[in-house]
Amino acid sequence: MNSRVLRDIKARKAVYSRELERTIWRYISRNTTLPPRTRMQAQLALSRTPREAAPSAIKNRCVESGRGRGIFSDWKLCRFQFRMKALNGQLPGVQKASW
C-alpha cells in the first residue's frame, strides 16, 4: 500500500471517530434559542477538537495508487486504474463502449 493511501485511511478513521461529537457541538453553537454563554462554550469545545478530525481534511484518493486527481468516486479509482481494471474485466458491469 502507498503511504498516501495509508494516510487517507488514517484521516478517514479520525473523522469517523469524532463525527458525532463535532455534530453535537456544531448544533449547540448554532442554535439561537440557547443562551449565548452555552453557545460560546460549545464553540470553544468545537475549536478544541483536533484538526485532523475535520471532514474538510478528507480528499478523494485512488485506493490503488493514492493518486489525488482524476478520481471516479463511485469506484474510488483514478482514471488510469479504472481503465486498466475495466479492460481486464475486473469491474462488473463496465465495458468499453463501441458503436
PDB file of N, CA and C in Angstrom:
ATOM      1  N   MET A   1       0.829  -1.187   0.000  1.00  0.00           N
ATOM      2  CA  MET A   1       0.000   0.000   0.000  1.00  0.00           C
ATOM      3  C   MET A   1       0.872   1.247   0.000  1.00  0.00           C
ATOM      4  N   ASN A   2       0.390   2.229  -0.667  1.00  0.00           N
ATOM      5  CA  ASN A   2       1.059   3.515  -0.785  1.00  0.00           C
ATOM      6  C   ASN A   2       0.906   4.300   0.526  1.00  0.00           C
ATOM      7  N   SER A   3       1.886   5.098   0.874  1.00  0.00           N
ATOM      8  CA  SER A   3       1.807   5.881   2.113  1.00  0.00           C
ATOM      9  C   SER A   3       0.671   6.901   2.059  1.00  0.00           C
ATOM     10  N   ARG A   4       0.369   7.406   0.863  1.00  0.00           N
ATOM     11  CA  ARG A   4      -0.741   8.353   0.742  1.00  0.00           C
ATOM     12  C   ARG A   4      -2.072   7.673   1.037  1.00  0.00           C
ATOM     13  N   VAL A   5      -2.203   6.419   0.606  1.00  0.00           N
ATOM     14  CA  VAL A   5      -3.428   5.666   0.875  1.00  0.00           C
ATOM     15  C   VAL A   5      -3.555   5.417   2.377  1.00  0.00           C
ATOM     16  N   LEU A   6      -2.458   5.051   3.021  1.00  0.00           N
ATOM     17  CA  LEU A   6      -2.482   4.816   4.465  1.00  0.00           C
ATOM     18  C   LEU A   6      -2.829   6.089   5.231  1.00  0.00           C
ATOM     19  N   ARG A   7      -2.282   7.221   4.793  1.00  0.00           N
ATOM     20  CA  ARG A   7      -2.585   8.500   5.428  1.00  0.00           C
ATOM     21  C   ARG A   7      -4.064   8.846   5.258  1.00  0.00           C
ATOM     22  N   ASP A   8      -4.615   8.552   4.078  1.00  0.00           N
ATOM     23  CA  ASP A   8      -6.023   8.822   3.819  1.00  0.00           C
ATOM     24  C   ASP A   8      -6.908   7.950   4.709  1.00  0.00           C
ATOM     25  N   ILE A   9      -6.552   6.688   4.865  1.00  0.00           N
ATOM     26  CA  ILE A   9      -7.320   5.785   5.726  1.00  0.00           C
ATOM     27  C   ILE A   9      -7.299   6.287   7.169  1.00  0.00           C
ATOM     28  N   LYS A  10      -6.137   6.724   7.621  1.00  0.00           N
ATOM     29  CA  LYS A  10      -5.998   7.242   8.986  1.00  0.00           C
ATOM     30  C   LYS A  10      -6.858   8.489   9.180  1.00  0.00           C
ATOM     31  N   ALA A  11      -6.863   9.382   8.192  1.00  0.00           N
ATOM     32  CA  ALA A  11      -7.664  10.608   8.287  1.00  0.00           C
ATOM     33  C   ALA A  11      -9.151  10.288   8.312  1.00  0.00           C
ATOM     34  N   ARG A  12      -9.579   9.332   7.498  1.00  0.00           N
ATOM     35  CA  ARG A  12     -10.995   8.947   7.478  1.00  0.00           C
ATOM     36  C   ARG A  12     -11.424   8.337   8.814  1.00  0.00           C
ATOM     37  N   LYS A  13     -10.552   7.555   9.427  1.00  0.00           N
ATOM     38  CA  LYS A  13     -10.870   6.976  10.737  1.00  0.00           C
ATOM     39  C   LYS A  13     -10.987   8.070  11.795  1.00  0.00           C
ATOM     40  N   ALA A  14     -10.111   9.067  11.739  1.00  0.00           N
ATOM     41  CA  ALA A  14     -10.152  10.169  12.705  1.00  0.00           C
ATOM     42  C   ALA A  14     -11.449  10.958  12.563  1.00  0.00           C
ATOM     43  N   VAL A  15     -11.863  11.217  11.338  1.00  0.00           N
ATOM     44  CA  VAL A  15     -13.106  11.957  11.105  1.00  0.00           C
ATOM     45  C   VAL A  15     -14.296  11.147  11.599  1.00  0.00           C
ATOM     46  N   TYR A  16     -14.292   9.847  11.305  1.00  0.00           N
ATOM     47  CA  TYR A  16     -15.403   8.987  11.710  1.00  0.00           C
ATOM     48  C   TYR A  16     -15.518   8.907  13.231  1.00  0.00           C
ATOM     49  N   SER A  17     -14.384   8.832  13.919  1.00  0.00           N
ATOM     50  CA  SER A  17     -14.422   8.679  15.377  1.00  0.00           C
ATOM     51  C   SER A  17     -14.939   9.935  16.081  1.00  0.00           C
ATOM     52  N   ARG A  18     -14.747  11.106  15.498  1.00  0.00           N
ATOM     53  CA  ARG A  18     -15.167  12.363  16.130  1.00  0.00           C
ATOM     54  C   ARG A  18     -16.407  12.975  15.487  1.00  0.00           C
ATOM     55  N   GLU A  19     -17.022  12.276  14.547  1.00  0.00           N
ATOM     56  CA  GLU A  19     -18.128  12.856  13.784  1.00  0.00           C
ATOM     57  C   GLU A  19     -19.312  13.235  14.675  1.00  0.00           C
ATOM     58  N   LEU A  20     -19.738  12.334  15.538  1.00  0.00           N
ATOM     59  CA  LEU A  20     -20.892  12.606  16.390  1.00  0.00           C
ATOM     60  C   LEU A  20     -20.612  13.769  17.342  1.00  0.00           C
ATOM     61  N   GLU A  21     -19.442  13.764  17.944  1.00  0.00           N
ATOM     62  CA  GLU A  21     -19.070  14.831  18.875  1.00  0.00           C
ATOM     63  C   GLU A  21     -19.066  16.192  18.180  1.00  0.00           C
ATOM     64  N   ARG A  22     -18.470  16.272  17.002  1.00  0.00           N
ATOM     65  CA  ARG A  22     -18.420  17.535  16.263  1.00  0.00           C
ATOM     66  C   ARG A  22     -19.819  17.993  15.857  1.00  0.00           C
ATOM     67  N   THR A  23     -20.674  17.049  15.468  1.00  0.00           N
ATOM     68  CA  THR A  23     -22.036  17.393  15.067  1.00  0.00           C
ATOM     69  C   THR A  23     -22.815  17.973  16.241  1.00  0.00           C
ATOM     70  N   ILE A  24     -22.655  17.382  17.408  1.00  0.00           N
ATOM     71  CA  ILE A  24     -23.350  17.884  18.602  1.00  0.00           C
ATOM     72  C   ILE A  24     -22.887  19.295  18.944  1.00  0.00           C
ATOM     73  N   TRP A  25     -21.574  19.512  18.990  1.00  0.00           N
ATOM     74  CA  TRP A  25     -21.052  20.840  19.326  1.00  0.00           C
ATOM     75  C   TRP A  25     -21.473  21.878  18.292  1.00  0.00           C
ATOM     76  N   ARG A  26     -21.470  21.487  17.020  1.00  0.00           N
ATOM     77  CA  ARG A  26     -21.865  22.422  15.968  1.00  0.00           C
ATOM     78  C   ARG A  26     -23.343  22.794  16.096  1.00  0.00           C
ATOM     79  N   TYR A  27     -24.189  21.807  16.401  1.00  0.00           N
ATOM     80  CA  TYR A  27     -25.615  22.070  16.556  1.00  0.00           C
ATOM     81  C   TYR A  27     -25.865  23.021  17.727  1.00  0.00           C
ATOM     82  N   ILE A  28     -25.211  22.763  18.853  1.00  0.00           N
ATOM     83  CA  ILE A  28     -25.402  23.616  20.033  1.00  0.00           C
ATOM     84  C   ILE A  28     -24.919  25.038  19.758  1.00  0.00           C
ATOM     85  N   SER A  29     -23.782  25.164  19.104  1.00  0.00           N
ATOM     86  CA  SER A  29     -23.238  26.507  18.865  1.00  0.00           C
ATOM     87  C   SER A  29     -24.062  27.306  17.861  1.00  0.00           C
ATOM     88  N   ARG A  30     -24.811  26.638  17.013  1.00  0.00           N
ATOM     89  CA  ARG A  30     -25.622  27.348  16.010  1.00  0.00           C
ATOM     90  C   ARG A  30     -27.086  27.513  16.413  1.00  0.00           C
ATOM     91  N   ASN A  31     -27.480  26.926  17.530  1.00  0.00           N
ATOM     92  CA  ASN A  31     -28.859  27.003  17.990  1.00  0.00           C
ATOM     93  C   ASN A  31     -29.090  28.359  18.660  1.00  0.00           C
ATOM     94  N   THR A  32     -29.881  29.208  18.024  1.00  0.00           N
ATOM     95  CA  THR A  32     -30.079  30.577  18.522  1.00  0.00           C
ATOM     96  C   THR A  32     -31.030  30.643  19.707  1.00  0.00           C
ATOM     97  N   THR A  33     -31.755  29.569  20.019  1.00  0.00           N
ATOM     98  CA  THR A  33     -32.667  29.585  21.167  1.00  0.00           C
ATOM     99  C   THR A  33     -31.931  29.364  22.484  1.00  0.00           C
ATOM    100  N   LEU A  34     -30.706  28.900  22.430  1.00  0.00           N
ATOM    101  CA  LEU A  34     -29.912  28.673  23.640  1.00  0.00           C
ATOM    102  C   LEU A  34     -29.257  29.974  24.091  1.00  0.00           C
ATOM    103  N   PRO A  35     -28.908  30.071  25.380  1.00  0.00           N
ATOM    104  CA  PRO A  35     -28.229  31.285  25.860  1.00  0.00           C
ATOM    105  C   PRO A  35     -26.855  31.452  25.211  1.00  0.00           C
ATOM    106  N   PRO A  36     -26.423  32.690  25.046  1.00  0.00           N
ATOM    107  CA  PRO A  36     -25.132  32.939  24.382  1.00  0.00           C
ATOM    108  C   PRO A  36     -23.942  32.278  25.084  1.00  0.00           C
ATOM    109  N   ARG A  37     -23.981  32.192  26.404  1.00  0.00           N
ATOM    110  CA  ARG A  37     -22.871  31.578  27.141  1.00  0.00           C
ATOM    111  C   ARG A  37     -22.719  30.095  26.776  1.00  0.00           C
ATOM    112  N   THR A  38     -23.841  29.394  26.688  1.00  0.00           N
ATOM    113  CA  THR A  38     -23.820  27.974  26.315  1.00  0.00           C
ATOM    114  C   THR A  38     -23.301  27.803  24.894  1.00  0.00           C
ATOM    115  N   ARG A  39     -23.758  28.674  24.023  1.00  0.00           N
ATOM    116  CA  ARG A  39     -23.310  28.599  22.632  1.00  0.00           C
ATOM    117  C   ARG A  39     -21.817  28.867  22.516  1.00  0.00           C
ATOM    118  N   MET A  40     -21.313  29.816  23.296  1.00  0.00           N
ATOM    119  CA  MET A  40     -19.885  30.137  23.269  1.00  0.00           C
ATOM    120  C   MET A  40     -19.056  28.968  23.802  1.00  0.00           C
ATOM    121  N   GLN A  41     -19.542  28.326  24.859  1.00  0.00           N
ATOM    122  CA  GLN A  41     -18.829  27.165  25.404  1.00  0.00           C
ATOM    123  C   GLN A  41     -18.784  26.032  24.382  1.00  0.00           C
ATOM    124  N   ALA A  42     -19.882  25.844  23.668  1.00  0.00           N
ATOM    125  CA  ALA A  42     -19.914  24.811  22.629  1.00  0.00           C
ATOM    126  C   ALA A  42     -18.944  25.154  21.501  1.00  0.00           C
ATOM    127  N   GLN A  43     -18.866  26.426  21.161  1.00  0.00           N
ATOM    128  CA  GLN A  43     -17.939  26.853  20.106  1.00  0.00           C
ATOM    129  C   GLN A  43     -16.493  26.624  20.533  1.00  0.00           C
ATOM    130  N   LEU A  44     -16.177  26.894  21.790  1.00  0.00           N
ATOM    131  CA  LEU A  44     -14.827  26.646  22.305  1.00  0.00           C
ATOM    132  C   LEU A  44     -14.504  25.152  22.307  1.00  0.00           C
ATOM    133  N   ALA A  45     -15.479  24.337  22.685  1.00  0.00           N
ATOM    134  CA  ALA A  45     -15.261  22.885  22.674  1.00  0.00           C
ATOM    135  C   ALA A  45     -15.046  22.390  21.248  1.00  0.00           C
ATOM    136  N   LEU A  46     -15.773  22.969  20.312  1.00  0.00           N
ATOM    137  CA  LEU A  46     -15.607  22.591  18.907  1.00  0.00           C
ATOM    138  C   LEU A  46     -14.230  22.986  18.397  1.00  0.00           C
ATOM    139  N   SER A  47     -13.746  24.136  18.819  1.00  0.00           N
ATOM    140  CA  SER A  47     -12.428  24.576  18.362  1.00  0.00           C
ATOM    141  C   SER A  47     -11.298  23.772  19.015  1.00  0.00           C
ATOM    142  N   ARG A  48     -11.571  23.109  20.136  1.00  0.00           N
ATOM    143  CA  ARG A  48     -10.561  22.286  20.798  1.00  0.00           C
ATOM    144  C   ARG A  48     -10.428  20.892  20.188  1.00  0.00           C
ATOM    145  N   THR A  49     -11.368  20.497  19.351  1.00  0.00           N
ATOM    146  CA  THR A  49     -11.259  19.173  18.726  1.00  0.00           C
ATOM    147  C   THR A  49     -10.087  19.179  17.746  1.00  0.00           C
ATOM    148  N   PRO A  50      -9.444  18.047  17.547  1.00  0.00           N
ATOM    149  CA  PRO A  50      -8.262  18.001  16.677  1.00  0.00           C
ATOM    150  C   PRO A  50      -8.579  18.393  15.236  1.00  0.00           C
ATOM    151  N   ARG A  51      -7.611  18.998  14.580  1.00  0.00           N
ATOM    152  CA  ARG A  51      -7.809  19.435  13.199  1.00  0.00           C
ATOM    153  C   ARG A  51      -7.999  18.268  12.246  1.00  0.00           C
ATOM    154  N   GLU A  52      -7.321  17.162  12.520  1.00  0.00           N
ATOM    155  CA  GLU A  52      -7.440  16.029  11.598  1.00  0.00           C
ATOM    156  C   GLU A  52      -8.821  15.382  11.663  1.00  0.00           C
ATOM    157  N   ALA A  53      -9.641  15.780  12.654  1.00  0.00           N
ATOM    158  CA  ALA A  53     -10.991  15.244  12.753  1.00  0.00           C
ATOM    159  C   ALA A  53     -11.993  16.057  11.935  1.00  0.00           C
ATOM    160  N   ALA A  54     -11.537  17.108  11.277  1.00  0.00           N
ATOM    161  CA  ALA A  54     -12.436  17.929  10.462  1.00  0.00           C
ATOM    162  C   ALA A  54     -12.710  17.232   9.128  1.00  0.00           C
ATOM    163  N   PRO A  55     -13.974  17.166   8.706  1.00  0.00           N
ATOM    164  CA  PRO A  55     -14.299  16.481   7.451  1.00  0.00           C
ATOM    165  C   PRO A  55     -13.667  17.121   6.220  1.00  0.00           C
ATOM    166  N   SER A  56     -13.317  18.405   6.305  1.00  0.00           N
ATOM    167  CA  SER A  56     -12.704  19.061   5.152  1.00  0.00           C
ATOM    168  C   SER A  56     -11.279  18.578   4.910  1.00  0.00           C
ATOM    169  N   ALA A  57     -10.714  17.833   5.853  1.00  0.00           N
ATOM    170  CA  ALA A  57      -9.354  17.305   5.701  1.00  0.00           C
ATOM    171  C   ALA A  57      -9.311  16.091   4.774  1.00  0.00           C
ATOM    172  N   ILE A  58     -10.476  15.567   4.423  1.00  0.00           N
ATOM    173  CA  ILE A  58     -10.533  14.358   3.605  1.00  0.00           C
ATOM    174  C   ILE A  58     -10.500  14.731   2.130  1.00  0.00           C
ATOM    175  N   LYS A  59      -9.660  14.053   1.387  1.00  0.00           N
ATOM    176  CA  LYS A  59      -9.576  14.248  -0.058  1.00  0.00           C
ATOM    177  C   LYS A  59      -9.809  12.902  -0.718  1.00  0.00           C
ATOM    178  N   ASN A  60     -10.574  12.902  -1.793  1.00  0.00           N
ATOM    179  CA  ASN A  60     -10.785  11.648  -2.509  1.00  0.00           C
ATOM    180  C   ASN A  60      -9.482  11.200  -3.140  1.00  0.00           C
ATOM    181  N   ARG A  61      -9.088   9.978  -2.858  1.00  0.00           N
ATOM    182  CA  ARG A  61      -7.858   9.409  -3.396  1.00  0.00           C
ATOM    183  C   ARG A  61      -8.151   8.046  -3.978  1.00  0.00           C
ATOM    184  N   CYS A  62      -7.325   7.664  -4.945  1.00  0.00           N
ATOM    185  CA  CYS A  62      -7.412   6.335  -5.539  1.00  0.00           C
ATOM    186  C   CYS A  62      -6.953   5.314  -4.496  1.00  0.00           C
ATOM    187  N   VAL A  63      -7.734   4.249  -4.310  1.00  0.00           N
ATOM    188  CA  VAL A  63      -7.369   3.243  -3.312  1.00  0.00           C
ATOM    189  C   VAL A  63      -6.242   2.347  -3.801  1.00  0.00           C
ATOM    190  N   GLU A  64      -5.975   2.335  -5.091  1.00  0.00           N
ATOM    191  CA  GLU A  64      -4.895   1.514  -5.646  1.00  0.00           C
ATOM    192  C   GLU A  64      -3.565   2.261  -5.651  1.00  0.00           C
ATOM    193  N   SER A  65      -3.577   3.468  -6.214  1.00  0.00           N
ATOM    194  CA  SER A  65      -2.316   4.175  -6.434  1.00  0.00           C
ATOM    195  C   SER A  65      -2.091   5.352  -5.492  1.00  0.00           C
ATOM    196  N   GLY A  66      -3.141   5.846  -4.834  1.00  0.00           N
ATOM    197  CA  GLY A  66      -3.006   7.004  -3.964  1.00  0.00           C
ATOM    198  C   GLY A  66      -3.097   8.320  -4.701  1.00  0.00           C
ATOM    199  N   ARG A  67      -3.345   8.276  -5.994  1.00  0.00           N
ATOM    200  CA  ARG A  67      -3.443   9.490  -6.796  1.00  0.00           C
ATOM    201  C   ARG A  67      -4.633  10.328  -6.336  1.00  0.00           C
ATOM    202  N   GLY A  68      -4.452  11.652  -6.315  1.00  0.00           N
ATOM    203  CA  GLY A  68      -5.485  12.542  -5.813  1.00  0.00           C
ATOM    204  C   GLY A  68      -6.278  13.261  -6.880  1.00  0.00           C
ATOM    205  N   ARG A  69      -5.957  13.029  -8.142  1.00  0.00           N
ATOM    206  CA  ARG A  69      -6.672  13.716  -9.220  1.00  0.00           C
ATOM    207  C   ARG A  69      -7.256  12.691 -10.175  1.00  0.00           C
ATOM    208  N   GLY A  70      -8.335  13.074 -10.839  1.00  0.00           N
ATOM    209  CA  GLY A  70      -8.958  12.202 -11.827  1.00  0.00           C
ATOM    210  C   GLY A  70      -9.598  10.979 -11.196  1.00  0.00           C
ATOM    211  N   ILE A  71     -10.350  11.170 -10.112  1.00  0.00           N
ATOM    212  CA  ILE A  71     -10.929  10.058  -9.364  1.00  0.00           C
ATOM    213  C   ILE A  71     -12.379   9.840  -9.792  1.00  0.00           C
ATOM    214  N   PHE A  72     -12.730   8.585 -10.067  1.00  0.00           N
ATOM    215  CA  PHE A  72     -14.118   8.190 -10.264  1.00  0.00           C
ATOM    216  C   PHE A  72     -14.638   7.803  -8.886  1.00  0.00           C
ATOM    217  N   SER A  73     -15.484   8.660  -8.306  1.00  0.00           N
ATOM    218  CA  SER A  73     -15.859   8.479  -6.906  1.00  0.00           C
ATOM    219  C   SER A  73     -16.698   7.225  -6.665  1.00  0.00           C
ATOM    220  N   ASP A  74     -17.434   6.743  -7.669  1.00  0.00           N
ATOM    221  CA  ASP A  74     -18.229   5.530  -7.470  1.00  0.00           C
ATOM    222  C   ASP A  74     -17.349   4.320  -7.212  1.00  0.00           C
ATOM    223  N   TRP A  75     -16.180   4.298  -7.818  1.00  0.00           N
ATOM    224  CA  TRP A  75     -15.264   3.156  -7.680  1.00  0.00           C
ATOM    225  C   TRP A  75     -14.042   3.478  -6.829  1.00  0.00           C
ATOM    226  N   LYS A  76     -13.836   4.736  -6.468  1.00  0.00           N
ATOM    227  CA  LYS A  76     -12.667   5.196  -5.716  1.00  0.00           C
ATOM    228  C   LYS A  76     -11.367   4.819  -6.424  1.00  0.00           C
ATOM    229  N   LEU A  77     -11.375   4.962  -7.741  1.00  0.00           N
ATOM    230  CA  LEU A  77     -10.200   4.668  -8.556  1.00  0.00           C
ATOM    231  C   LEU A  77      -9.877   5.867  -9.429  1.00  0.00           C
ATOM    232  N   CYS A  78      -8.576   6.067  -9.698  1.00  0.00           N
ATOM    233  CA  CYS A  78      -8.195   7.117 -10.629  1.00  0.00           C
ATOM    234  C   CYS A  78      -8.491   6.629 -12.046  1.00  0.00           C
ATOM    235  N   ARG A  79      -8.461   7.538 -12.988  1.00  0.00           N
ATOM    236  CA  ARG A  79      -8.866   7.205 -14.352  1.00  0.00           C
ATOM    237  C   ARG A  79      -8.012   6.106 -14.957  1.00  0.00           C
ATOM    238  N   PHE A  80      -6.713   6.077 -14.659  1.00  0.00           N
ATOM    239  CA  PHE A  80      -5.834   5.070 -15.248  1.00  0.00           C
ATOM    240  C   PHE A  80      -6.117   3.686 -14.659  1.00  0.00           C
ATOM    241  N   GLN A  81      -6.242   3.609 -13.335  1.00  0.00           N
ATOM    242  CA  GLN A  81      -6.548   2.323 -12.693  1.00  0.00           C
ATOM    243  C   GLN A  81      -7.935   1.834 -13.113  1.00  0.00           C
ATOM    244  N   PHE A  82      -8.876   2.775 -13.254  1.00  0.00           N
ATOM    245  CA  PHE A  82     -10.217   2.410 -13.706  1.00  0.00           C
ATOM    246  C   PHE A  82     -10.160   1.789 -15.092  1.00  0.00           C
ATOM    247  N   ARG A  83      -9.398   2.404 -15.976  1.00  0.00           N
ATOM    248  CA  ARG A  83      -9.279   1.902 -17.346  1.00  0.00           C
ATOM    249  C   ARG A  83      -8.650   0.512 -17.367  1.00  0.00           C
ATOM    250  N   MET A  84      -7.582   0.319 -16.592  1.00  0.00           N
ATOM    251  CA  MET A  84      -6.906  -0.982 -16.559  1.00  0.00           C
ATOM    252  C   MET A  84      -7.833  -2.077 -16.031  1.00  0.00           C
ATOM    253  N   LYS A  85      -8.551  -1.789 -14.966  1.00  0.00           N
ATOM    254  CA  LYS A  85      -9.451  -2.786 -14.384  1.00  0.00           C
ATOM    255  C   LYS A  85     -10.639  -3.055 -15.307  1.00  0.00           C
ATOM    256  N   ALA A  86     -11.134  -2.025 -15.983  1.00  0.00           N
ATOM    257  CA  ALA A  86     -12.259  -2.211 -16.898  1.00  0.00           C
ATOM    258  C   ALA A  86     -11.841  -3.056 -18.097  1.00  0.00           C
ATOM    259  N   LEU A  87     -10.657  -2.804 -18.634  1.00  0.00           N
ATOM    260  CA  LEU A  87     -10.189  -3.582 -19.782  1.00  0.00           C
ATOM    261  C   LEU A  87      -9.918  -5.033 -19.411  1.00  0.00           C
ATOM    262  N   ASN A  88      -9.495  -5.282 -18.177  1.00  0.00           N
ATOM    263  CA  ASN A  88      -9.242  -6.649 -17.720  1.00  0.00           C
ATOM    264  C   ASN A  88     -10.503  -7.353 -17.243  1.00  0.00           C
ATOM    265  N   GLY A  89     -11.635  -6.644 -17.223  1.00  0.00           N
ATOM    266  CA  GLY A  89     -12.896  -7.244 -16.809  1.00  0.00           C
ATOM    267  C   GLY A  89     -13.030  -7.392 -15.304  1.00  0.00           C
ATOM    268  N   GLN A  90     -12.316  -6.599 -14.539  1.00  0.00           N
ATOM    269  CA  GLN A  90     -12.359  -6.705 -13.085  1.00  0.00           C
ATOM    270  C   GLN A  90     -13.426  -5.813 -12.451  1.00  0.00           C
ATOM    271  N   LEU A  91     -14.077  -4.978 -13.257  1.00  0.00           N
ATOM    272  CA  LEU A  91     -15.166  -4.138 -12.759  1.00  0.00           C
ATOM    273  C   LEU A  91     -16.475  -4.657 -13.348  1.00  0.00           C
ATOM    274  N   PRO A  92     -17.333  -5.270 -12.554  1.00  0.00           N
ATOM    275  CA  PRO A  92     -18.565  -5.836 -13.085  1.00  0.00           C
ATOM    276  C   PRO A  92     -19.498  -4.755 -13.627  1.00  0.00           C
ATOM    277  N   GLY A  93     -20.043  -5.009 -14.792  1.00  0.00           N
ATOM    278  CA  GLY A  93     -20.978  -4.078 -15.412  1.00  0.00           C
ATOM    279  C   GLY A  93     -20.330  -2.964 -16.200  1.00  0.00           C
ATOM    280  N   VAL A  94     -19.007  -2.938 -16.282  1.00  0.00           N
ATOM    281  CA  VAL A  94     -18.295  -1.887 -17.010  1.00  0.00           C
ATOM    282  C   VAL A  94     -17.640  -2.517 -18.224  1.00  0.00           C
ATOM    283  N   GLN A  95     -17.914  -1.939 -19.385  1.00  0.00           N
ATOM    284  CA  GLN A  95     -17.275  -2.430 -20.598  1.00  0.00           C
ATOM    285  C   GLN A  95     -16.945  -1.257 -21.506  1.00  0.00           C
ATOM    286  N   LYS A  96     -15.998  -1.470 -22.373  1.00  0.00           N
ATOM    287  CA  LYS A  96     -15.581  -0.425 -23.287  1.00  0.00           C
ATOM    288  C   LYS A  96     -16.705  -0.151 -24.286  1.00  0.00           C
ATOM    289  N   ALA A  97     -16.954   1.115 -24.527  1.00  0.00           N
ATOM    290  CA  ALA A  97     -18.040   1.490 -25.429  1.00  0.00           C
ATOM    291  C   ALA A  97     -17.645   1.226 -26.878  1.00  0.00           C
ATOM    292  N   SER A  98     -18.601   0.743 -27.631  1.00  0.00           N
ATOM    293  CA  SER A  98     -18.396   0.586 -29.077  1.00  0.00           C
ATOM    294  C   SER A  98     -19.737   0.815 -29.760  1.00  0.00           C
ATOM    295  N   TRP A  99     -19.703   1.574 -30.852  1.00  0.00           N
ATOM    296  CA  TRP A  99     -20.930   1.853 -31.598  1.00  0.00           C
ATOM    297  C   TRP A  99     -20.656   1.974 -33.056  1.00  0.00           C
TER     298      TRP A  99
END
